[in-house]
All heavy atoms as atom14 arrays in JSON, in Angstrom:
{
  "sequence": "IGFVQVDSINTVARAHDMILWSRRQSYRPPALKRLLEKDRS",
  "atom14_mask": [
    [1, 1, 1, 1, 1, 1, 1, 1, 0, 0, 0, 0, 0, 0],
    [1, 1, 1, 1, 0, 0, 0, 0, 0, 0, 0, 0, 0, 0],
    [1, 1, 1, 1, 1, 1, 1, 1, 1, 1, 1, 0, 0, 0],
    [1, 1, 1, 1, 1, 1, 1, 0, 0, 0, 0, 0, 0, 0],
    [1, 1, 1, 1, 1, 1, 1, 1, 1, 0, 0, 0, 0, 0],
    [1, 1, 1, 1, 1, 1, 1, 0, 0, 0, 0, 0, 0, 0],
    [1, 1, 1, 1, 1, 1, 1, 1, 0, 0, 0, 0, 0, 0],
    [1, 1, 1, 1, 1, 1, 0, 0, 0, 0, 0, 0, 0, 0],
    [1, 1, 1, 1, 1, 1, 1, 1, 0, 0, 0, 0, 0, 0],
    [1, 1, 1, 1, 1, 1, 1, 1, 0, 0, 0, 0, 0, 0],
    [1, 1, 1, 1, 1, 1, 1, 0, 0, 0, 0, 0, 0, 0],
    [1, 1, 1, 1, 1, 1, 1, 0, 0, 0, 0, 0, 0, 0],
    [1, 1, 1, 1, 1, 0, 0, 0, 0, 0, 0, 0, 0, 0],
    [1, 1, 1, 1, 1, 1, 1, 1, 1, 1, 1, 0, 0, 0],
    [1, 1, 1, 1, 1, 0, 0, 0, 0, 0, 0, 0, 0, 0],
    [1, 1, 1, 1, 1, 1, 1, 1, 1, 1, 0, 0, 0, 0],
    [1, 1, 1, 1, 1, 1, 1, 1, 0, 0, 0, 0, 0, 0],
    [1, 1, 1, 1, 1, 1, 1, 1, 0, 0, 0, 0, 0, 0],
    [1, 1, 1, 1, 1, 1, 1, 1, 0, 0, 0, 0, 0, 0],
    [1, 1, 1, 1, 1, 1, 1, 1, 0, 0, 0, 0, 0, 0],
    [1, 1, 1, 1, 1, 1, 1, 1, 1, 1, 1, 1, 1, 1],
    [1, 1, 1, 1, 1, 1, 0, 0, 0, 0, 0, 0, 0, 0],
    [1, 1, 1, 1, 1, 1, 1, 1, 1, 1, 1, 0, 0, 0],
    [1, 1, 1, 1, 1, 1, 1, 1, 1, 1, 1, 0, 0, 0],
    [1, 1, 1, 1, 1, 1, 1, 1, 1, 0, 0, 0, 0, 0],
    [1, 1, 1, 1, 1, 1, 0, 0, 0, 0, 0, 0, 0, 0],
    [1, 1, 1, 1, 1, 1, 1, 1, 1, 1, 1, 1, 0, 0],
    [1, 1, 1, 1, 1, 1, 1, 1, 1, 1, 1, 0, 0, 0],
    [1, 1, 1, 1, 1, 1, 1, 0, 0, 0, 0, 0, 0, 0],
    [1, 1, 1, 1, 1, 1, 1, 0, 0, 0, 0, 0, 0, 0],
    [1, 1, 1, 1, 1, 0, 0, 0, 0, 0, 0, 0, 0, 0],
    [1, 1, 1, 1, 1, 1, 1, 1, 0, 0, 0, 0, 0, 0],
    [1, 1, 1, 1, 1, 1, 1, 1, 1, 0, 0, 0, 0, 0],
    [1, 1, 1, 1, 1, 1, 1, 1, 1, 1, 1, 0, 0, 0],
    [1, 1, 1, 1, 1, 1, 1, 1, 0, 0, 0, 0, 0, 0],
    [1, 1, 1, 1, 1, 1, 1, 1, 0, 0, 0, 0, 0, 0],
    [1, 1, 1, 1, 1, 1, 1, 1, 1, 0, 0, 0, 0, 0],
    [1, 1, 1, 1, 1, 1, 1, 1, 1, 0, 0, 0, 0, 0],
    [1, 1, 1, 1, 1, 1, 1, 1, 0, 0, 0, 0, 0, 0],
    [1, 1, 1, 1, 1, 1, 1, 1, 1, 1, 1, 0, 0, 0],
    [1, 1, 1, 1, 1, 1, 0, 0, 0, 0, 0, 0, 0, 0]
  ],
  "atom14_positions": [
    [[2.62, 80.63, 130.39], [3.43, 80.33, 129.17], [3.49, 81.58, 128.34], [4.16, 81.63, 127.32], [2.92, 79.12, 128.45], [1.57, 79.26, 127.95], [3.16, 77.82, 129.13], [0.98, 78.05, 127.15], [0.0, 0.0, 0.0], [0.0, 0.0, 0.0], [0.0, 0.0, 0.0], [0.0, 0.0, 0.0], [0.0, 0.0, 0.0], [0.0, 0.0, 0.0]],
    [[2.63, 82.53, 128.61], [2.78, 83.88, 127.93], [1.6, 84.12, 127.0], [0.89, 85.01, 127.06], [0.0, 0.0, 0.0], [0.0, 0.0, 0.0], [0.0, 0.0, 0.0], [0.0, 0.0, 0.0], [0.0, 0.0, 0.0], [0.0, 0.0, 0.0], [0.0, 0.0, 0.0], [0.0, 0.0, 0.0], [0.0, 0.0, 0.0], [0.0, 0.0, 0.0]],
    [[1.53, 83.23, 125.92], [0.64, 83.35, 124.91], [0.49, 81.97, 124.21], [1.31, 81.09, 124.41], [0.95, 84.4, 123.87], [2.22, 84.13, 123.23], [2.34, 83.33, 122.03], [3.38, 84.85, 123.64], [3.57, 83.24, 121.34], [4.61, 84.65, 123.03], [4.68, 83.89, 121.92], [0.0, 0.0, 0.0], [0.0, 0.0, 0.0], [0.0, 0.0, 0.0]],
    [[-0.58, 81.83, 123.44], [-0.81, 80.58, 122.69], [-1.07, 80.94, 121.23], [-1.97, 81.62, 120.91], [-2.05, 79.79, 123.22], [-2.34, 78.48, 122.43], [-1.73, 79.39, 124.7], [0.0, 0.0, 0.0], [0.0, 0.0, 0.0], [0.0, 0.0, 0.0], [0.0, 0.0, 0.0], [0.0, 0.0, 0.0], [0.0, 0.0, 0.0], [0.0, 0.0, 0.0]],
    [[-0.25, 80.43, 120.35], [-0.3, 80.71, 118.92], [-1.65, 80.09, 118.44], [-1.98, 78.92, 118.69], [0.82, 80.15, 118.14], [0.75, 80.73, 116.6], [2.08, 80.46, 115.87], [3.09, 80.42, 116.45], [2.0, 80.43, 114.52], [0.0, 0.0, 0.0], [0.0, 0.0, 0.0], [0.0, 0.0, 0.0], [0.0, 0.0, 0.0], [0.0, 0.0, 0.0]],
    [[-2.34, 80.89, 117.52], [-3.54, 80.24, 116.78], [-3.21, 79.95, 115.49], [-2.45, 80.72, 114.82], [-4.63, 81.34, 116.77], [-5.88, 80.93, 116.05], [-4.98, 81.79, 118.23], [0.0, 0.0, 0.0], [0.0, 0.0, 0.0], [0.0, 0.0, 0.0], [0.0, 0.0, 0.0], [0.0, 0.0, 0.0], [0.0, 0.0, 0.0], [0.0, 0.0, 0.0]],
    [[-3.67, 78.77, 114.92], [-3.41, 78.27, 113.53], [-4.49, 77.52, 113.11], [-5.19, 76.75, 113.91], [-2.07, 77.53, 113.45], [-1.54, 77.43, 111.98], [-1.09, 78.43, 111.43], [-1.78, 76.28, 111.54], [0.0, 0.0, 0.0], [0.0, 0.0, 0.0], [0.0, 0.0, 0.0], [0.0, 0.0, 0.0], [0.0, 0.0, 0.0], [0.0, 0.0, 0.0]],
    [[-4.78, 77.61, 111.73], [-6.06, 76.98, 111.21], [-5.78, 75.36, 110.92], [-6.77, 74.68, 110.82], [-6.42, 77.6, 110.04], [-5.51, 77.5, 108.97], [0.0, 0.0, 0.0], [0.0, 0.0, 0.0], [0.0, 0.0, 0.0], [0.0, 0.0, 0.0], [0.0, 0.0, 0.0], [0.0, 0.0, 0.0], [0.0, 0.0, 0.0], [0.0, 0.0, 0.0]],
    [[-4.51, 74.94, 110.81], [-4.36, 73.63, 110.4], [-4.87, 72.69, 111.49], [-4.55, 72.75, 112.57], [-2.79, 73.42, 110.11], [-2.32, 74.25, 108.98], [-2.51, 71.9, 109.82], [-0.87, 74.23, 108.78], [0.0, 0.0, 0.0], [0.0, 0.0, 0.0], [0.0, 0.0, 0.0], [0.0, 0.0, 0.0], [0.0, 0.0, 0.0], [0.0, 0.0, 0.0]],
    [[-5.61, 71.6, 110.93], [-6.2, 70.73, 111.93], [-6.11, 69.29, 111.5], [-7.09, 68.6, 111.46], [-7.78, 71.11, 111.89], [-8.53, 70.51, 113.01], [-7.95, 70.04, 114.0], [-9.87, 70.38, 112.89], [0.0, 0.0, 0.0], [0.0, 0.0, 0.0], [0.0, 0.0, 0.0], [0.0, 0.0, 0.0], [0.0, 0.0, 0.0], [0.0, 0.0, 0.0]],
    [[-4.85, 68.89, 111.21], [-4.64, 67.54, 110.9], [-4.88, 66.5, 112.04], [-5.31, 65.52, 111.87], [-3.14, 67.27, 110.32], [-2.27, 67.62, 111.4], [-2.9, 68.13, 109.06], [0.0, 0.0, 0.0], [0.0, 0.0, 0.0], [0.0, 0.0, 0.0], [0.0, 0.0, 0.0], [0.0, 0.0, 0.0], [0.0, 0.0, 0.0], [0.0, 0.0, 0.0]],
    [[-4.58, 66.99, 113.33], [-4.97, 66.28, 114.48], [-5.79, 67.13, 115.41], [-6.92, 66.92, 115.72], [-3.81, 65.85, 115.18], [-4.15, 65.1, 116.58], [-3.03, 64.79, 114.35], [0.0, 0.0, 0.0], [0.0, 0.0, 0.0], [0.0, 0.0, 0.0], [0.0, 0.0, 0.0], [0.0, 0.0, 0.0], [0.0, 0.0, 0.0], [0.0, 0.0, 0.0]],
    [[-5.34, 68.4, 115.77], [-6.0, 69.44, 116.53], [-5.35, 70.7, 116.1], [-4.15, 70.71, 115.65], [-5.9, 69.08, 118.03], [0.0, 0.0, 0.0], [0.0, 0.0, 0.0], [0.0, 0.0, 0.0], [0.0, 0.0, 0.0], [0.0, 0.0, 0.0], [0.0, 0.0, 0.0], [0.0, 0.0, 0.0], [0.0, 0.0, 0.0], [0.0, 0.0, 0.0]],
    [[-6.06, 71.84, 116.32], [-5.38, 73.12, 115.93], [-4.41, 73.43, 116.98], [-4.37, 73.0, 118.1], [-6.53, 74.14, 115.86], [-7.45, 73.97, 114.63], [-8.25, 75.16, 114.26], [-8.88, 75.04, 113.03], [-10.11, 74.76, 112.81], [-10.9, 74.56, 113.74], [-10.51, 74.66, 111.56], [0.0, 0.0, 0.0], [0.0, 0.0, 0.0], [0.0, 0.0, 0.0]],
    [[-3.41, 74.21, 116.6], [-2.26, 74.48, 117.31], [-2.58, 74.89, 118.74], [-2.05, 74.43, 119.77], [-1.37, 75.61, 116.65], [0.0, 0.0, 0.0], [0.0, 0.0, 0.0], [0.0, 0.0, 0.0], [0.0, 0.0, 0.0], [0.0, 0.0, 0.0], [0.0, 0.0, 0.0], [0.0, 0.0, 0.0], [0.0, 0.0, 0.0], [0.0, 0.0, 0.0]],
    [[-3.45, 75.94, 119.01], [-3.8, 76.41, 120.29], [-4.37, 75.3, 121.23], [-3.95, 75.27, 122.31], [-4.8, 77.66, 120.22], [-5.87, 77.49, 119.21], [-5.68, 77.42, 117.84], [-7.25, 77.29, 119.49], [-6.93, 77.31, 117.3], [-7.74, 77.15, 118.27], [0.0, 0.0, 0.0], [0.0, 0.0, 0.0], [0.0, 0.0, 0.0], [0.0, 0.0, 0.0]],
    [[-5.11, 74.45, 120.62], [-5.64, 73.36, 121.44], [-4.58, 72.31, 121.81], [-4.59, 71.86, 122.78], [-6.85, 72.66, 120.69], [-8.09, 73.64, 120.6], [-8.34, 74.44, 121.49], [-8.74, 73.58, 119.49], [0.0, 0.0, 0.0], [0.0, 0.0, 0.0], [0.0, 0.0, 0.0], [0.0, 0.0, 0.0], [0.0, 0.0, 0.0], [0.0, 0.0, 0.0]],
    [[-3.78, 72.06, 120.84], [-2.66, 71.07, 121.04], [-1.64, 71.55, 122.08], [-1.16, 70.78, 122.85], [-1.99, 70.77, 119.61], [-0.99, 69.7, 119.62], [-1.86, 68.08, 119.3], [-0.41, 66.99, 119.43], [0.0, 0.0, 0.0], [0.0, 0.0, 0.0], [0.0, 0.0, 0.0], [0.0, 0.0, 0.0], [0.0, 0.0, 0.0], [0.0, 0.0, 0.0]],
    [[-1.42, 72.83, 121.97], [-0.41, 73.48, 122.95], [-1.01, 73.26, 124.41], [-0.24, 72.88, 125.28], [-0.19, 74.89, 122.57], [0.56, 75.02, 121.34], [0.47, 75.72, 123.83], [0.52, 76.46, 120.79], [0.0, 0.0, 0.0], [0.0, 0.0, 0.0], [0.0, 0.0, 0.0], [0.0, 0.0, 0.0], [0.0, 0.0, 0.0], [0.0, 0.0, 0.0]],
    [[-2.22, 73.49, 124.64], [-2.84, 73.47, 125.87], [-3.03, 71.96, 126.33], [-2.75, 71.57, 127.5], [-4.13, 74.23, 125.92], [-3.99, 75.71, 125.69], [-5.37, 76.33, 125.47], [-3.17, 76.28, 126.83], [0.0, 0.0, 0.0], [0.0, 0.0, 0.0], [0.0, 0.0, 0.0], [0.0, 0.0, 0.0], [0.0, 0.0, 0.0], [0.0, 0.0, 0.0]],
    [[-3.4, 71.11, 125.4], [-3.65, 69.69, 125.73], [-2.28, 69.03, 126.18], [-2.29, 68.11, 127.04], [-4.27, 69.0, 124.53], [-4.38, 67.47, 124.77], [-5.38, 66.89, 125.36], [-3.38, 66.43, 124.29], [-5.12, 65.48, 125.45], [-3.97, 65.25, 124.84], [-2.32, 66.48, 123.65], [-3.34, 63.96, 124.53], [-1.51, 65.26, 123.48], [-2.13, 64.02, 123.82]],
    [[-1.2, 69.35, 125.5], [0.1, 68.7, 125.78], [0.57, 69.06, 127.24], [1.47, 68.41, 127.71], [1.19, 69.07, 124.76], [1.47, 70.49, 124.89], [0.0, 0.0, 0.0], [0.0, 0.0, 0.0], [0.0, 0.0, 0.0], [0.0, 0.0, 0.0], [0.0, 0.0, 0.0], [0.0, 0.0, 0.0], [0.0, 0.0, 0.0], [0.0, 0.0, 0.0]],
    [[-0.01, 70.11, 127.79], [0.34, 70.5, 129.14], [-0.77, 70.12, 130.27], [-0.36, 69.86, 131.36], [0.42, 72.02, 129.15], [1.79, 72.4, 128.54], [1.67, 73.95, 128.08], [2.91, 74.43, 127.67], [3.51, 74.19, 126.43], [2.7, 73.52, 125.58], [4.68, 74.57, 125.97], [0.0, 0.0, 0.0], [0.0, 0.0, 0.0], [0.0, 0.0, 0.0]],
    [[-1.94, 69.96, 129.82], [-3.12, 69.48, 130.73], [-4.0, 68.67, 129.94], [-4.85, 69.19, 129.17], [-3.75, 70.79, 131.2], [-2.99, 71.69, 131.98], [-2.63, 71.12, 133.43], [-2.07, 72.22, 134.26], [-0.67, 72.42, 134.22], [0.09, 71.8, 133.41], [-0.16, 73.38, 134.97], [0.0, 0.0, 0.0], [0.0, 0.0, 0.0], [0.0, 0.0, 0.0]],
    [[-3.9, 67.36, 130.01], [-4.64, 66.51, 129.05], [-6.07, 66.35, 129.38], [-6.89, 65.71, 128.66], [-3.87, 65.18, 128.98], [-2.57, 65.35, 128.31], [-2.02, 63.98, 127.8], [-2.46, 62.91, 128.24], [-0.8, 64.03, 127.03], [0.0, 0.0, 0.0], [0.0, 0.0, 0.0], [0.0, 0.0, 0.0], [0.0, 0.0, 0.0], [0.0, 0.0, 0.0]],
    [[-6.55, 67.07, 130.49], [-7.92, 67.17, 130.71], [-8.55, 68.41, 129.92], [-9.83, 68.5, 129.91], [-8.18, 67.42, 132.15], [-7.66, 68.58, 132.61], [0.0, 0.0, 0.0], [0.0, 0.0, 0.0], [0.0, 0.0, 0.0], [0.0, 0.0, 0.0], [0.0, 0.0, 0.0], [0.0, 0.0, 0.0], [0.0, 0.0, 0.0], [0.0, 0.0, 0.0]],
    [[-7.74, 69.13, 129.27], [-8.2, 70.3, 128.42], [-9.14, 69.91, 127.28], [-8.82, 68.91, 126.68], [-7.03, 71.04, 127.89], [-7.43, 72.04, 126.84], [-7.93, 73.32, 127.23], [-7.27, 71.73, 125.48], [-8.35, 74.12, 126.22], [-7.71, 72.65, 124.54], [-8.26, 73.8, 124.82], [-8.59, 74.79, 123.95], [0.0, 0.0, 0.0], [0.0, 0.0, 0.0]],
    [[-10.21, 70.71, 127.1], [-11.04, 70.47, 125.95], [-11.38, 71.91, 125.37], [-11.47, 72.91, 126.11], [-12.27, 69.76, 126.25], [-12.08, 68.26, 126.65], [-11.49, 67.47, 125.46], [-11.34, 66.04, 125.9], [-10.2, 65.62, 126.31], [-9.16, 66.41, 126.67], [-10.1, 64.29, 126.55], [0.0, 0.0, 0.0], [0.0, 0.0, 0.0], [0.0, 0.0, 0.0]],
    [[-11.42, 72.09, 124.08], [-11.68, 73.37, 123.49], [-12.71, 74.23, 124.08], [-12.53, 75.4, 124.09], [-11.83, 72.99, 121.97], [-11.02, 71.73, 121.82], [-11.3, 71.02, 123.11], [0.0, 0.0, 0.0], [0.0, 0.0, 0.0], [0.0, 0.0, 0.0], [0.0, 0.0, 0.0], [0.0, 0.0, 0.0], [0.0, 0.0, 0.0], [0.0, 0.0, 0.0]],
    [[-13.83, 73.73, 124.42], [-14.95, 74.7, 124.93], [-14.28, 75.5, 126.15], [-14.92, 76.61, 126.35], [-16.02, 73.7, 125.37], [-15.87, 72.57, 124.39], [-14.44, 72.44, 124.27], [0.0, 0.0, 0.0], [0.0, 0.0, 0.0], [0.0, 0.0, 0.0], [0.0, 0.0, 0.0], [0.0, 0.0, 0.0], [0.0, 0.0, 0.0], [0.0, 0.0, 0.0]],
    [[-13.32, 75.05, 126.9], [-12.99, 75.78, 128.08], [-12.17, 77.05, 127.6], [-12.38, 78.11, 128.21], [-11.99, 74.93, 128.97], [0.0, 0.0, 0.0], [0.0, 0.0, 0.0], [0.0, 0.0, 0.0], [0.0, 0.0, 0.0], [0.0, 0.0, 0.0], [0.0, 0.0, 0.0], [0.0, 0.0, 0.0], [0.0, 0.0, 0.0], [0.0, 0.0, 0.0]],
    [[-11.5, 76.96, 126.54], [-10.82, 78.05, 125.99], [-11.85, 79.14, 125.41], [-11.77, 80.34, 125.51], [-9.77, 77.74, 124.92], [-8.99, 78.75, 124.26], [-8.13, 79.52, 125.36], [-8.18, 78.3, 123.17], [0.0, 0.0, 0.0], [0.0, 0.0, 0.0], [0.0, 0.0, 0.0], [0.0, 0.0, 0.0], [0.0, 0.0, 0.0], [0.0, 0.0, 0.0]],
    [[-12.8, 78.51, 124.67], [-13.73, 79.43, 124.0], [-14.54, 80.22, 125.11], [-14.85, 81.37, 124.91], [-14.84, 78.49, 123.31], [-15.73, 79.24, 122.35], [-16.49, 78.25, 121.56], [-17.45, 78.86, 120.51], [-16.66, 79.45, 119.33], [0.0, 0.0, 0.0], [0.0, 0.0, 0.0], [0.0, 0.0, 0.0], [0.0, 0.0, 0.0], [0.0, 0.0, 0.0]],
    [[-14.86, 79.55, 126.33], [-15.54, 80.32, 127.36], [-14.71, 81.44, 127.84], [-15.26, 82.59, 128.02], [-15.81, 79.36, 128.4], [-16.6, 80.11, 129.64], [-16.89, 79.11, 130.82], [-17.69, 79.91, 131.83], [-18.92, 80.15, 131.77], [-19.66, 79.72, 130.83], [-19.46, 80.82, 132.79], [0.0, 0.0, 0.0], [0.0, 0.0, 0.0], [0.0, 0.0, 0.0]],
    [[-13.41, 81.28, 127.95], [-12.54, 82.37, 128.54], [-12.39, 83.56, 127.49], [-12.41, 84.75, 127.82], [-11.08, 81.83, 128.85], [-10.98, 80.95, 130.06], [-9.64, 80.46, 130.25], [-11.51, 81.48, 131.24], [0.0, 0.0, 0.0], [0.0, 0.0, 0.0], [0.0, 0.0, 0.0], [0.0, 0.0, 0.0], [0.0, 0.0, 0.0], [0.0, 0.0, 0.0]],
    [[-12.45, 83.12, 126.17], [-12.36, 84.19, 125.14], [-13.66, 84.91, 124.9], [-13.61, 86.07, 124.73], [-11.94, 83.48, 123.79], [-10.55, 83.05, 123.69], [-10.36, 82.07, 122.56], [-9.67, 84.42, 123.34], [0.0, 0.0, 0.0], [0.0, 0.0, 0.0], [0.0, 0.0, 0.0], [0.0, 0.0, 0.0], [0.0, 0.0, 0.0], [0.0, 0.0, 0.0]],
    [[-14.75, 84.15, 124.87], [-16.05, 84.78, 124.37], [-17.1, 85.05, 125.49], [-17.96, 85.89, 125.19], [-16.68, 83.67, 123.38], [-15.75, 83.42, 122.12], [-16.2, 82.49, 121.23], [-17.39, 82.07, 121.35], [-15.6, 82.08, 120.25], [0.0, 0.0, 0.0], [0.0, 0.0, 0.0], [0.0, 0.0, 0.0], [0.0, 0.0, 0.0], [0.0, 0.0, 0.0]],
    [[-16.95, 84.57, 126.68], [-17.86, 84.9, 127.73], [-17.21, 85.64, 128.81], [-17.58, 86.68, 129.19], [-18.48, 83.59, 128.21], [-19.41, 82.9, 127.21], [-20.16, 81.85, 127.8], [-21.11, 81.16, 126.77], [-21.86, 80.02, 127.31], [0.0, 0.0, 0.0], [0.0, 0.0, 0.0], [0.0, 0.0, 0.0], [0.0, 0.0, 0.0], [0.0, 0.0, 0.0]],
    [[-15.98, 85.07, 129.42], [-15.36, 85.67, 130.56], [-14.61, 86.92, 130.02], [-14.37, 87.81, 130.88], [-14.51, 84.74, 131.17], [-15.21, 83.59, 131.8], [-16.45, 83.49, 131.8], [-14.47, 82.67, 132.38], [0.0, 0.0, 0.0], [0.0, 0.0, 0.0], [0.0, 0.0, 0.0], [0.0, 0.0, 0.0], [0.0, 0.0, 0.0], [0.0, 0.0, 0.0]],
    [[-14.19, 86.94, 128.82], [-13.37, 88.02, 128.15], [-12.06, 88.23, 129.06], [-11.55, 89.31, 129.08], [-14.11, 89.32, 128.17], [-15.41, 89.28, 127.44], [-15.22, 88.96, 125.81], [-16.37, 89.25, 125.06], [-16.46, 88.86, 123.86], [-15.59, 88.09, 123.28], [-17.63, 89.15, 123.11], [0.0, 0.0, 0.0], [0.0, 0.0, 0.0], [0.0, 0.0, 0.0]],
    [[-11.61, 87.11, 129.52], [-10.24, 87.36, 130.26], [-9.07, 86.95, 129.29], [-7.91, 87.18, 129.71], [-10.25, 86.28, 131.45], [-10.32, 84.96, 131.07], [0.0, 0.0, 0.0], [0.0, 0.0, 0.0], [0.0, 0.0, 0.0], [0.0, 0.0, 0.0], [0.0, 0.0, 0.0], [0.0, 0.0, 0.0], [0.0, 0.0, 0.0], [0.0, 0.0, 0.0]]
  ]
}
């Protein structure tokens, strides 16, 4: 999908998490955090 916008509003879930969940409902935020902060991919 190219990129995922980051936004702070959290009325239900933050934008980046909602974008990924709407495509893969097994998604949970720690999986993204790992790619960003540990794998550095």
